[in-house]
C-alpha atoms as a PDB file:
ATOM      1  CA  MET A   1      -9.379  25.708  41.826  1.00  0.00           C
ATOM      2  CA  ALA A   2      -6.818  23.616  40.352  1.00  0.00           C
ATOM      3  CA  LYS A   3      -6.092  23.826  36.928  1.00  0.00           C
ATOM      4  CA  PRO A   4      -6.767  21.250  34.911  1.00  0.00           C
ATOM      5  CA  VAL A   5      -4.580  17.907  34.048  1.00  0.00           C
ATOM      6  CA  ASP A   6      -4.912  17.201  30.138  1.00  0.00           C
ATOM      7  CA  ARG A   7      -3.761  13.947  29.787  1.00  0.00           C
ATOM      8  CA  LEU A   8      -3.501  13.435  25.838  1.00  0.00           C
ATOM      9  CA  SER A   9       0.023  15.557  25.921  1.00  0.00           C
ATOM     10  CA  GLN A  10       1.492  12.266  27.161  1.00  0.00           C
ATOM     11  CA  TYR A  11       0.396  10.000  24.798  1.00  0.00           C
ATOM     12  CA  ILE A  12       0.626  12.349  21.459  1.00  0.00           C
ATOM     13  CA  ASP A  13       4.154  12.005  20.458  1.00  0.00           C
ATOM     14  CA  SER A  14       6.272  14.317  19.407  1.00  0.00           C
ATOM     15  CA  GLU A  15       8.533  12.647  16.380  1.00  0.00           C
ATOM     16  CA  PRO A  16      10.310  15.171  14.640  1.00  0.00           C
ATOM     17  CA  ILE A  17       9.818  15.380  11.679  1.00  0.00           C
ATOM     18  CA  LEU A  18      12.998  14.841   9.375  1.00  0.00           C
ATOM     19  CA  TRP A  19      11.433  15.028   5.491  1.00  0.00           C
ATOM     20  CA  ALA A  20       9.181  17.481   4.507  1.00  0.00           C
ATOM     21  CA  ASP A  21       7.756  18.337   0.907  1.00  0.00           C
ATOM     22  CA  ARG A  22       4.512  19.725  -0.798  1.00  0.00           C
ATOM     23  CA  LYS A  23       3.582  18.611  -4.273  1.00  0.00           C
ATOM     24  CA  ARG A  24       4.854  20.415  -6.854  1.00  0.00           C
ATOM     25  CA  TYR A  25       4.089  22.151 -10.059  1.00  0.00           C
ATOM     26  CA  LEU A  26       6.218  22.937 -12.698  1.00  0.00           C
ATOM     27  CA  GLY A  27       8.909  23.055  -9.939  1.00  0.00           C
ATOM     28  CA  LEU A  28       7.078  25.064  -7.040  1.00  0.00           C
ATOM     29  CA  PRO A  29       5.389  24.573  -4.027  1.00  0.00           C
ATOM     30  CA  ILE A  30       2.439  26.102  -5.363  1.00  0.00           C
ATOM     31  CA  SER A  31      -0.751  22.963  -4.082  1.00  0.00           C
ATOM     32  CA  PHE A  32      -2.088  22.691  -0.768  1.00  0.00           C
ATOM     33  CA  THR A  33      -0.904  18.791  -1.353  1.00  0.00           C
ATOM     34  CA  ARG A  34       1.862  18.917   1.495  1.00  0.00           C
ATOM     35  CA  TYR A  35       3.877  15.512   2.246  1.00  0.00           C
ATOM     36  CA  SER A  36       6.369  15.410   5.656  1.00  0.00           C
ATOM     37  CA  PHE A  37       7.387  11.751   7.829  1.00  0.00           C
ATOM     38  CA  ASP A  38       9.580  11.226  10.965  1.00  0.00           C
ATOM     39  CA  GLN A  39      11.132   7.698  12.102  1.00  0.00           C
ATOM     40  CA  ASN A  40       7.662   6.718  12.038  1.00  0.00           C
ATOM     41  CA  LYS A  41       5.044   7.735  10.420  1.00  0.00           C
ATOM     42  CA  PHE A  42       4.925   9.061   7.108  1.00  0.00           C
ATOM     43  CA  TYR A  43       2.049  12.038   6.895  1.00  0.00           C
ATOM     44  CA  ILE A  44      -0.283  13.117   3.964  1.00  0.00           C
ATOM     45  CA  LYS A  45      -1.812  16.208   4.331  1.00  0.00           C
ATOM     46  CA  THR A  46      -4.249  18.224   1.870  1.00  0.00           C
ATOM     47  CA  GLY A  47      -7.731  19.951   1.147  1.00  0.00           C
ATOM     48  CA  PHE A  48      -7.330  24.416   1.641  1.00  0.00           C
ATOM     49  CA  LEU A  49     -10.917  24.548   2.718  1.00  0.00           C
ATOM     50  CA  ASN A  50     -11.832  20.976   3.586  1.00  0.00           C
ATOM     51  CA  ASN A  51      -8.058  19.065   5.232  1.00  0.00           C
ATOM     52  CA  VAL A  52      -8.089  15.525   4.698  1.00  0.00           C
ATOM     53  CA  ASN A  53      -5.023  14.297   6.334  1.00  0.00           C
ATOM     54  CA  ASN A  54      -3.228  11.018   6.724  1.00  0.00           C
ATOM     55  CA  GLU A  55      -0.823   8.558   8.180  1.00  0.00           C
ATOM     56  CA  LEU A  56       0.539   5.538   7.234  1.00  0.00           C
ATOM     57  CA  LEU A  57       2.934   3.972   9.656  1.00  0.00           C
ATOM     58  CA  PHE A  58       6.655   2.284   7.703  1.00  0.00           C
ATOM     59  CA  TYR A  59       6.207  -1.318   9.167  1.00  0.00           C
ATOM     60  CA  ARG A  60       3.477  -1.575   7.120  1.00  0.00           C
ATOM     61  CA  VAL A  61       5.341  -0.090   3.628  1.00  0.00           C
ATOM     62  CA  LEU A  62       5.782  -3.239   0.891  1.00  0.00           C
ATOM     63  CA  ASP A  63       7.978  -1.472  -1.591  1.00  0.00           C
ATOM     64  CA  ILE A  64       9.585   1.888  -3.154  1.00  0.00           C
ATOM     65  CA  GLN A  65       8.968   2.762  -6.288  1.00  0.00           C
ATOM     66  CA  HIS A  66      10.910   5.726  -7.348  1.00  0.00           C
ATOM     67  CA  LYS A  67      10.019   7.445 -11.561  1.00  0.00           C
ATOM     68  CA  ARG A  68      10.074  10.561 -13.130  1.00  0.00           C
ATOM     69  CA  SER A  69       9.434  11.449 -16.464  1.00  0.00           C
ATOM     70  CA  LEU A  70      10.715  13.159 -18.737  1.00  0.00           C
ATOM     71  CA  PHE A  71       9.240  16.890 -17.136  1.00  0.00           C
ATOM     72  CA  GLN A  72       9.553  16.109 -14.262  1.00  0.00           C
ATOM     73  CA  LYS A  73      13.453  15.519 -15.067  1.00  0.00           C
ATOM     74  CA  ILE A  74      13.453  19.022 -16.602  1.00  0.00           C
ATOM     75  CA  PHE A  75      11.644  20.154 -13.539  1.00  0.00           C
ATOM     76  CA  GLY A  76      13.431  18.672 -10.937  1.00  0.00           C
ATOM     77  CA  VAL A  77      11.061  16.515  -8.956  1.00  0.00           C
ATOM     78  CA  GLY A  78       9.976  13.320  -8.558  1.00  0.00           C
ATOM     79  CA  THR A  79       7.118  10.837  -7.702  1.00  0.00           C
ATOM     80  CA  ILE A  80       7.828   7.865  -5.377  1.00  0.00           C
ATOM     81  CA  VAL A  81       5.282   5.209  -4.889  1.00  0.00           C
ATOM     82  CA  LEU A  82       4.639   2.929  -1.508  1.00  0.00           C
ATOM     83  CA  VAL A  83       2.945  -0.385  -2.264  1.00  0.00           C
ATOM     84  CA  THR A  84       2.092  -1.073   1.298  1.00  0.00           C
ATOM     85  CA  ALA A  85       0.397  -3.365   3.449  1.00  0.00           C
ATOM     86  CA  ASP A  86      -2.376  -0.219   4.961  1.00  0.00           C
ATOM     87  CA  LYS A  87      -6.415  -0.432   4.752  1.00  0.00           C
ATOM     88  CA  THR A  88      -7.065   2.768   3.340  1.00  0.00           C
ATOM     89  CA  THR A  89      -3.792   3.372   1.403  1.00  0.00           C
ATOM     90  CA  PRO A  90      -2.486   0.825  -0.394  1.00  0.00           C
ATOM     91  CA  GLN A  91      -0.819   2.305  -2.907  1.00  0.00           C
ATOM     92  CA  LEU A  92       0.540   5.478  -1.999  1.00  0.00           C
ATOM     93  CA  GLU A  93       1.830   8.697  -5.166  1.00  0.00           C
ATOM     94  CA  ILE A  94       4.329  11.074  -3.387  1.00  0.00           C
ATOM     95  CA  LYS A  95       4.033  13.131  -6.571  1.00  0.00           C
ATOM     96  CA  ASN A  96       6.487  15.832  -8.107  1.00  0.00           C
ATOM     97  CA  VAL A  97       8.731  16.049  -5.232  1.00  0.00           C
ATOM     98  CA  LYS A  98      11.787  17.953  -4.648  1.00  0.00           C
ATOM     99  CA  ASP A  99      14.954  14.860  -4.259  1.00  0.00           C
ATOM    100  CA  SER A 100      12.470  12.465  -5.023  1.00  0.00           C
ATOM    101  CA  GLU A 101      15.493   9.819  -5.348  1.00  0.00           C
ATOM    102  CA  ARG A 102      17.254  10.851  -1.953  1.00  0.00           C
ATOM    103  CA  VAL A 103      14.349  11.144  -0.783  1.00  0.00           C
ATOM    104  CA  ALA A 104      12.899   7.342  -2.011  1.00  0.00           C
ATOM    105  CA  LYS A 105      16.908   6.275  -0.466  1.00  0.00           C
ATOM    106  CA  ALA A 106      15.581   7.976   2.939  1.00  0.00           C
ATOM    107  CA  LEU A 107      12.776   5.918   3.577  1.00  0.00           C
ATOM    108  CA  SER A 108      14.233   2.514   2.152  1.00  0.00           C
ATOM    109  CA  ASN A 109      16.004   2.875   4.708  1.00  0.00           C
ATOM    110  CA  ILE A 110      13.633   3.900   7.260  1.00  0.00           C
ATOM    111  CA  VAL A 111      11.391   1.586   6.382  1.00  0.00           C
ATOM    112  CA  GLU A 112      13.550  -1.881   6.924  1.00  0.00           C
ATOM    113  CA  LYS A 113      14.894  -0.183  10.402  1.00  0.00           C
ATOM    114  CA  GLU A 114      11.212  -0.110  11.466  1.00  0.00           C
ATOM    115  CA  ARG A 115      10.828  -2.914  10.102  1.00  0.00           C
ATOM    116  CA  ASP A 116      13.834  -5.104  12.306  1.00  0.00           C
ATOM    117  CA  GLU A 117      13.113  -2.808  15.165  1.00  0.00           C
ATOM    118  CA  LYS A 118       8.896  -4.007  15.450  1.00  0.00           C
ATOM    119  CA  ARG A 119      10.925  -7.521  14.101  1.00  0.00           C
ATOM    120  CA  VAL A 120       7.461  -7.829  10.958  1.00  0.00           C
ATOM    121  CA  LEU A 121       8.807 -10.189   8.365  1.00  0.00           C
ATOM    122  CA  GLY A 122       7.373  -9.839   4.315  1.00  0.00           C
ATOM    123  CA  LYS A 123       6.014 -12.971   4.480  1.00  0.00           C
ATOM    124  CA  GLU A 124       3.272 -11.484   6.929  1.00  0.00           C
ATOM    125  CA  MET A 125       2.460  -8.837   5.436  1.00  0.00           C
ATOM    126  CA  PHE A 126       1.285 -10.747   2.324  1.00  0.00           C
ATOM    127  CA  GLY A 127      -1.573 -12.360   4.322  1.00  0.00           C
ATOM    128  CA  ALA A 128      -2.703  -8.460   4.645  1.00  0.00           C
ATOM    129  CA  SER A 129      -1.787  -7.378   0.855  1.00  0.00           C
ATOM    130  CA  GLY A 130      -4.660  -9.571  -0.233  1.00  0.00           C
ATOM    131  CA  ALA A 131      -1.315 -11.804  -1.948  1.00  0.00           C
ATOM    132  CA  PHE A 132      -1.334 -16.146  -1.302  1.00  0.00           C
ATOM    133  CA  ASP A 133       1.392 -16.795   0.228  1.00  0.00           C
ATOM    134  CA  ALA A 134       1.210 -21.101  -0.934  1.00  0.00           C
ATOM    135  CA  ASP A 135       3.588 -22.048   2.341  1.00  0.00           C
ATOM    136  CA  CYS A 136       0.605 -21.133   4.841  1.00  0.00           C
ATOM    137  CA  ASP A 137      -1.870 -22.956   3.035  1.00  0.00           C
ATOM    138  CA  HIS A 138      -0.729 -26.013   5.071  1.00  0.00           C
ATOM    139  CA  ILE A 139      -1.103 -23.895   8.560  1.00  0.00           C
ATOM    140  CA  ASP A 140      -4.223 -22.563   7.652  1.00  0.00           C
ATOM    141  CA  HIS A 141      -5.790 -26.972   7.180  1.00  0.00           C
ATOM    142  CA  MET A 142      -4.070 -27.500  10.458  1.00  0.00           C
ATOM    143  CA  ASP A 143      -5.783 -24.831  12.167  1.00  0.00           C
ATOM    144  CA  HIS A 144      -9.054 -25.680  10.405  1.00  0.00           C
ATOM    145  CA  GLY A 145      -9.048 -29.200  11.557  1.00  0.00           C
ATOM    146  CA  MET A 146      -7.860 -27.925  15.313  1.00  0.00           C
ATOM    147  CA  ILE A 147     -11.001 -26.026  15.558  1.00  0.00           C
ATOM    148  CA  HIS A 148     -12.624 -28.898  14.793  1.00  0.00           C
ATOM    149  CA  GLY A 149     -11.883 -32.148  16.635  1.00  0.00           C
ATOM    150  CA  ILE A 150     -11.257 -33.577  13.437  1.00  0.00           C
END
């Protein structure tokens, strides 16, 4: 009898992971929150007994913020905040990761590259994040009038 064909494998990305780290306490990676990213997505895995996996597409990132408290500087870690147009994760805090400034710069470059490749403009993302764009207001009225035959 023939072996069944695994059709699912063709849909699974095999992008190499560019960076991976854990949320750290006192500079030590002793948490069950793991962060990683490849060229297209950011991955968050949390939990020990109950696992939650979350993915964020880079072209949906609107803003990147890097912050470090005095306590974080002492232990060589920092926090990166991603403001996104993603419904499930409008703001993602990547807390207490090592070499955070370098990671934030890499993320910024990858986000720009992804947005260029997908031809996504900033103003297209504002509607997804709930922000109001005054320039688009007249277009909505024109479309509304065309639909109703005005």
